[in-house]
N, C-alpha and C. Protein backbone atom coordinates (compact mmCIF):
# COMPACT_ATOMS: atom_id res chain seq x y z
N MET A 1 0.13 -27.16 -0.74
CA MET A 1 1.35 -26.75 -0.10
C MET A 1 1.78 -27.83 0.89
N PRO A 2 3.02 -28.27 0.81
CA PRO A 2 3.46 -29.34 1.72
C PRO A 2 3.53 -28.82 3.16
N LYS A 3 3.28 -29.75 4.10
CA LYS A 3 3.30 -29.37 5.50
C LYS A 3 4.71 -29.12 6.00
N ARG A 4 5.67 -29.84 5.47
CA ARG A 4 7.06 -29.64 5.87
C ARG A 4 7.79 -28.90 4.76
N PRO A 5 8.57 -27.88 5.14
CA PRO A 5 9.30 -27.13 4.12
C PRO A 5 10.42 -27.96 3.52
N ASN A 6 10.76 -27.65 2.30
CA ASN A 6 11.89 -28.30 1.63
C ASN A 6 13.17 -27.80 2.32
N ARG A 7 13.97 -28.71 2.84
CA ARG A 7 15.17 -28.33 3.59
C ARG A 7 16.15 -27.53 2.73
N GLU A 8 16.13 -27.74 1.44
CA GLU A 8 17.04 -27.01 0.56
C GLU A 8 16.62 -25.54 0.43
N ASN A 9 15.37 -25.24 0.65
CA ASN A 9 14.86 -23.89 0.48
C ASN A 9 14.71 -23.11 1.79
N THR A 10 15.14 -23.68 2.92
CA THR A 10 14.98 -23.00 4.20
C THR A 10 16.22 -22.20 4.53
N ASP A 11 16.03 -21.16 5.31
CA ASP A 11 17.10 -20.27 5.72
C ASP A 11 17.32 -20.47 7.21
N ALA A 12 18.53 -20.88 7.60
CA ALA A 12 18.82 -21.17 9.00
C ALA A 12 18.69 -19.91 9.87
N GLU A 13 18.93 -18.73 9.29
CA GLU A 13 18.85 -17.49 10.06
C GLU A 13 17.41 -17.02 10.21
N SER A 14 16.52 -17.51 9.38
CA SER A 14 15.10 -17.13 9.44
C SER A 14 14.25 -18.39 9.47
N PRO A 15 14.21 -19.05 10.61
CA PRO A 15 13.46 -20.31 10.66
C PRO A 15 11.96 -20.09 10.50
N GLU A 16 11.28 -21.14 10.11
CA GLU A 16 9.83 -21.08 9.95
C GLU A 16 9.18 -20.81 11.30
N LEU A 17 8.17 -19.93 11.31
CA LEU A 17 7.48 -19.61 12.55
C LEU A 17 6.59 -20.78 12.94
N ASP A 18 6.67 -21.18 14.20
CA ASP A 18 5.91 -22.33 14.66
C ASP A 18 4.85 -21.91 15.67
N ASP A 19 4.11 -22.87 16.18
CA ASP A 19 3.04 -22.59 17.12
C ASP A 19 3.56 -21.93 18.40
N ALA A 20 4.77 -22.28 18.82
CA ALA A 20 5.34 -21.69 20.04
C ALA A 20 5.57 -20.18 19.83
N PHE A 21 6.01 -19.80 18.64
CA PHE A 21 6.21 -18.38 18.35
C PHE A 21 4.89 -17.63 18.48
N PHE A 22 3.85 -18.15 17.87
CA PHE A 22 2.56 -17.48 17.90
C PHE A 22 1.93 -17.49 19.29
N ALA A 23 2.25 -18.48 20.10
CA ALA A 23 1.75 -18.50 21.47
C ALA A 23 2.39 -17.38 22.30
N ARG A 24 3.64 -17.01 21.96
CA ARG A 24 4.32 -15.92 22.67
C ARG A 24 3.98 -14.54 22.10
N ALA A 25 3.34 -14.49 20.96
CA ALA A 25 3.07 -13.21 20.29
C ALA A 25 2.13 -12.34 21.13
N ARG A 26 2.36 -11.03 21.08
CA ARG A 26 1.54 -10.06 21.81
C ARG A 26 1.14 -8.94 20.86
N PRO A 27 0.06 -8.22 21.15
CA PRO A 27 -0.33 -7.08 20.32
C PRO A 27 0.79 -6.04 20.28
N ALA A 28 0.87 -5.28 19.20
CA ALA A 28 1.95 -4.30 19.03
C ALA A 28 1.98 -3.30 20.18
N GLY A 29 0.83 -2.82 20.61
CA GLY A 29 0.79 -1.84 21.69
C GLY A 29 1.37 -2.38 22.98
N GLU A 30 1.14 -3.66 23.22
CA GLU A 30 1.66 -4.28 24.43
C GLU A 30 3.16 -4.54 24.30
N ALA A 31 3.57 -5.01 23.14
CA ALA A 31 4.97 -5.36 22.95
C ALA A 31 5.86 -4.13 22.77
N LEU A 32 5.38 -3.11 22.07
CA LEU A 32 6.21 -1.94 21.75
C LEU A 32 5.93 -0.74 22.64
N GLY A 33 4.85 -0.78 23.39
CA GLY A 33 4.55 0.29 24.32
C GLY A 33 3.62 1.34 23.74
N PRO A 34 3.03 2.16 24.60
CA PRO A 34 2.06 3.17 24.16
C PRO A 34 2.68 4.25 23.28
N ALA A 35 3.97 4.55 23.45
CA ALA A 35 4.61 5.59 22.63
C ALA A 35 4.56 5.20 21.15
N PHE A 36 4.72 3.93 20.86
CA PHE A 36 4.65 3.46 19.48
C PHE A 36 3.26 3.70 18.90
N LEU A 37 2.23 3.39 19.68
CA LEU A 37 0.87 3.56 19.18
C LEU A 37 0.54 5.03 18.96
N ILE A 38 1.02 5.91 19.83
CA ILE A 38 0.77 7.35 19.65
C ILE A 38 1.42 7.83 18.37
N LYS A 39 2.66 7.43 18.11
CA LYS A 39 3.36 7.85 16.89
C LYS A 39 2.68 7.24 15.67
N ALA A 40 2.28 5.99 15.76
CA ALA A 40 1.64 5.33 14.63
C ALA A 40 0.32 6.02 14.26
N LYS A 41 -0.42 6.50 15.24
CA LYS A 41 -1.69 7.17 14.97
C LYS A 41 -1.49 8.59 14.47
N ARG A 42 -0.33 9.20 14.75
CA ARG A 42 -0.06 10.56 14.32
C ARG A 42 0.28 10.65 12.84
N THR A 43 0.75 9.59 12.25
CA THR A 43 1.20 9.64 10.86
C THR A 43 0.33 8.74 9.98
N PRO A 44 -0.92 9.16 9.72
CA PRO A 44 -1.82 8.31 8.97
C PRO A 44 -1.60 8.33 7.46
N GLY A 45 -0.80 9.22 6.93
CA GLY A 45 -0.58 9.29 5.49
C GLY A 45 -0.38 10.72 5.05
N ARG A 46 -0.86 11.02 3.86
CA ARG A 46 -0.70 12.37 3.32
C ARG A 46 -1.46 13.38 4.15
N PRO A 47 -0.91 14.59 4.25
CA PRO A 47 -1.66 15.64 4.96
C PRO A 47 -2.88 16.06 4.15
N LYS A 48 -3.91 16.46 4.83
CA LYS A 48 -5.13 16.91 4.17
C LYS A 48 -4.91 18.28 3.54
N VAL A 49 -5.49 18.50 2.36
CA VAL A 49 -5.40 19.80 1.69
C VAL A 49 -6.76 20.49 1.79
N GLU A 50 -6.73 21.83 1.77
CA GLU A 50 -7.98 22.58 1.90
C GLU A 50 -8.92 22.34 0.72
N GLU A 51 -8.36 22.37 -0.48
CA GLU A 51 -9.18 22.16 -1.67
C GLU A 51 -8.58 21.01 -2.48
N PRO A 52 -8.96 19.77 -2.15
CA PRO A 52 -8.38 18.64 -2.89
C PRO A 52 -8.86 18.62 -4.34
N LYS A 53 -7.99 18.10 -5.21
CA LYS A 53 -8.38 17.96 -6.61
C LYS A 53 -9.49 16.92 -6.70
N ARG A 54 -10.33 17.08 -7.71
CA ARG A 54 -11.44 16.15 -7.90
C ARG A 54 -11.23 15.33 -9.16
N PRO A 55 -11.50 14.04 -9.09
CA PRO A 55 -11.35 13.20 -10.28
C PRO A 55 -12.44 13.51 -11.31
N VAL A 56 -12.06 13.48 -12.57
CA VAL A 56 -13.01 13.69 -13.66
C VAL A 56 -12.74 12.66 -14.75
N SER A 57 -13.70 12.51 -15.62
CA SER A 57 -13.54 11.66 -16.78
C SER A 57 -13.63 12.55 -18.01
N ILE A 58 -12.68 12.40 -18.92
CA ILE A 58 -12.64 13.23 -20.12
C ILE A 58 -12.25 12.34 -21.30
N ARG A 59 -12.85 12.62 -22.44
CA ARG A 59 -12.53 11.85 -23.64
C ARG A 59 -11.54 12.64 -24.47
N LEU A 60 -10.41 12.01 -24.78
CA LEU A 60 -9.37 12.63 -25.58
C LEU A 60 -9.07 11.77 -26.80
N ARG A 61 -8.60 12.43 -27.86
CA ARG A 61 -8.17 11.68 -29.03
C ARG A 61 -6.99 10.80 -28.64
N PRO A 62 -6.89 9.61 -29.24
CA PRO A 62 -5.79 8.70 -28.88
C PRO A 62 -4.41 9.35 -29.02
N GLU A 63 -4.20 10.12 -30.09
CA GLU A 63 -2.88 10.72 -30.29
C GLU A 63 -2.56 11.77 -29.21
N VAL A 64 -3.59 12.47 -28.73
CA VAL A 64 -3.39 13.45 -27.66
C VAL A 64 -3.01 12.73 -26.37
N LEU A 65 -3.77 11.70 -26.03
CA LEU A 65 -3.49 10.94 -24.82
C LEU A 65 -2.12 10.27 -24.90
N ASP A 66 -1.79 9.69 -26.05
CA ASP A 66 -0.48 9.04 -26.21
C ASP A 66 0.65 10.04 -26.00
N HIS A 67 0.48 11.25 -26.57
CA HIS A 67 1.51 12.27 -26.40
C HIS A 67 1.66 12.66 -24.93
N LEU A 68 0.55 12.89 -24.25
CA LEU A 68 0.60 13.30 -22.85
C LEU A 68 1.27 12.23 -22.00
N ARG A 69 0.88 11.00 -22.21
CA ARG A 69 1.46 9.89 -21.41
C ARG A 69 2.93 9.68 -21.73
N SER A 70 3.33 9.99 -22.97
CA SER A 70 4.73 9.79 -23.35
C SER A 70 5.66 10.77 -22.64
N THR A 71 5.10 11.83 -22.04
CA THR A 71 5.94 12.80 -21.33
C THR A 71 6.36 12.28 -19.96
N GLY A 72 5.84 11.15 -19.55
CA GLY A 72 6.27 10.52 -18.31
C GLY A 72 5.36 10.78 -17.14
N ALA A 73 5.82 10.29 -16.00
CA ALA A 73 5.04 10.42 -14.77
C ALA A 73 4.76 11.88 -14.47
N GLY A 74 3.58 12.14 -13.96
CA GLY A 74 3.18 13.50 -13.61
C GLY A 74 2.48 14.23 -14.75
N TRP A 75 2.14 13.50 -15.81
CA TRP A 75 1.53 14.15 -16.97
C TRP A 75 0.19 14.78 -16.62
N GLN A 76 -0.57 14.16 -15.73
CA GLN A 76 -1.87 14.72 -15.37
C GLN A 76 -1.71 16.05 -14.62
N THR A 77 -0.70 16.13 -13.77
CA THR A 77 -0.43 17.39 -13.06
C THR A 77 -0.01 18.47 -14.05
N ARG A 78 0.81 18.09 -15.03
CA ARG A 78 1.22 19.07 -16.03
C ARG A 78 0.04 19.56 -16.86
N VAL A 79 -0.90 18.68 -17.19
CA VAL A 79 -2.10 19.09 -17.91
C VAL A 79 -2.90 20.06 -17.04
N ASP A 80 -3.05 19.75 -15.77
CA ASP A 80 -3.77 20.63 -14.85
C ASP A 80 -3.11 22.00 -14.78
N ASP A 81 -1.78 22.03 -14.68
CA ASP A 81 -1.05 23.30 -14.62
C ASP A 81 -1.22 24.10 -15.91
N ALA A 82 -1.16 23.41 -17.05
CA ALA A 82 -1.31 24.10 -18.33
C ALA A 82 -2.71 24.69 -18.48
N LEU A 83 -3.72 23.96 -18.09
CA LEU A 83 -5.09 24.46 -18.16
C LEU A 83 -5.28 25.65 -17.22
N ALA A 84 -4.74 25.57 -16.01
CA ALA A 84 -4.84 26.68 -15.06
C ALA A 84 -4.16 27.92 -15.62
N LYS A 85 -3.01 27.74 -16.27
CA LYS A 85 -2.29 28.88 -16.86
C LYS A 85 -3.13 29.53 -17.96
N LEU A 86 -3.74 28.72 -18.82
CA LEU A 86 -4.60 29.25 -19.89
C LEU A 86 -5.78 30.03 -19.32
N ILE A 87 -6.36 29.52 -18.26
CA ILE A 87 -7.50 30.18 -17.62
C ILE A 87 -7.05 31.52 -17.03
N ASN A 88 -5.90 31.51 -16.33
CA ASN A 88 -5.38 32.75 -15.71
C ASN A 88 -5.01 33.80 -16.76
N GLU A 89 -4.60 33.37 -17.94
CA GLU A 89 -4.25 34.29 -19.02
C GLU A 89 -5.49 34.75 -19.79
N GLY A 90 -6.64 34.18 -19.46
CA GLY A 90 -7.87 34.53 -20.16
C GLY A 90 -7.98 33.93 -21.55
N ARG A 91 -7.19 32.89 -21.80
CA ARG A 91 -7.20 32.25 -23.12
C ARG A 91 -8.12 31.05 -23.18
N LEU A 92 -8.74 30.73 -22.08
CA LEU A 92 -9.64 29.57 -22.06
C LEU A 92 -10.87 29.90 -21.24
């Protein structure tokens, strides 16, 4: 990687960060304040569920798997729902 950027590929509105920029840099908590850190720690991701689903490994015929995947995103959830329905109906 060249030490100097190609002048044709640089953006005047977004100059390359230099040593002076990094010398002025501060930790997020210091720069944005404690309220930012409190909010950032409150939203760690998905909420926890009481009974999370468990991953399993199952062998399926290629045509069955191809059909399920061809139904689009969420196919695994639909398979789970269909199996639960069969169990609740006493058919499985």
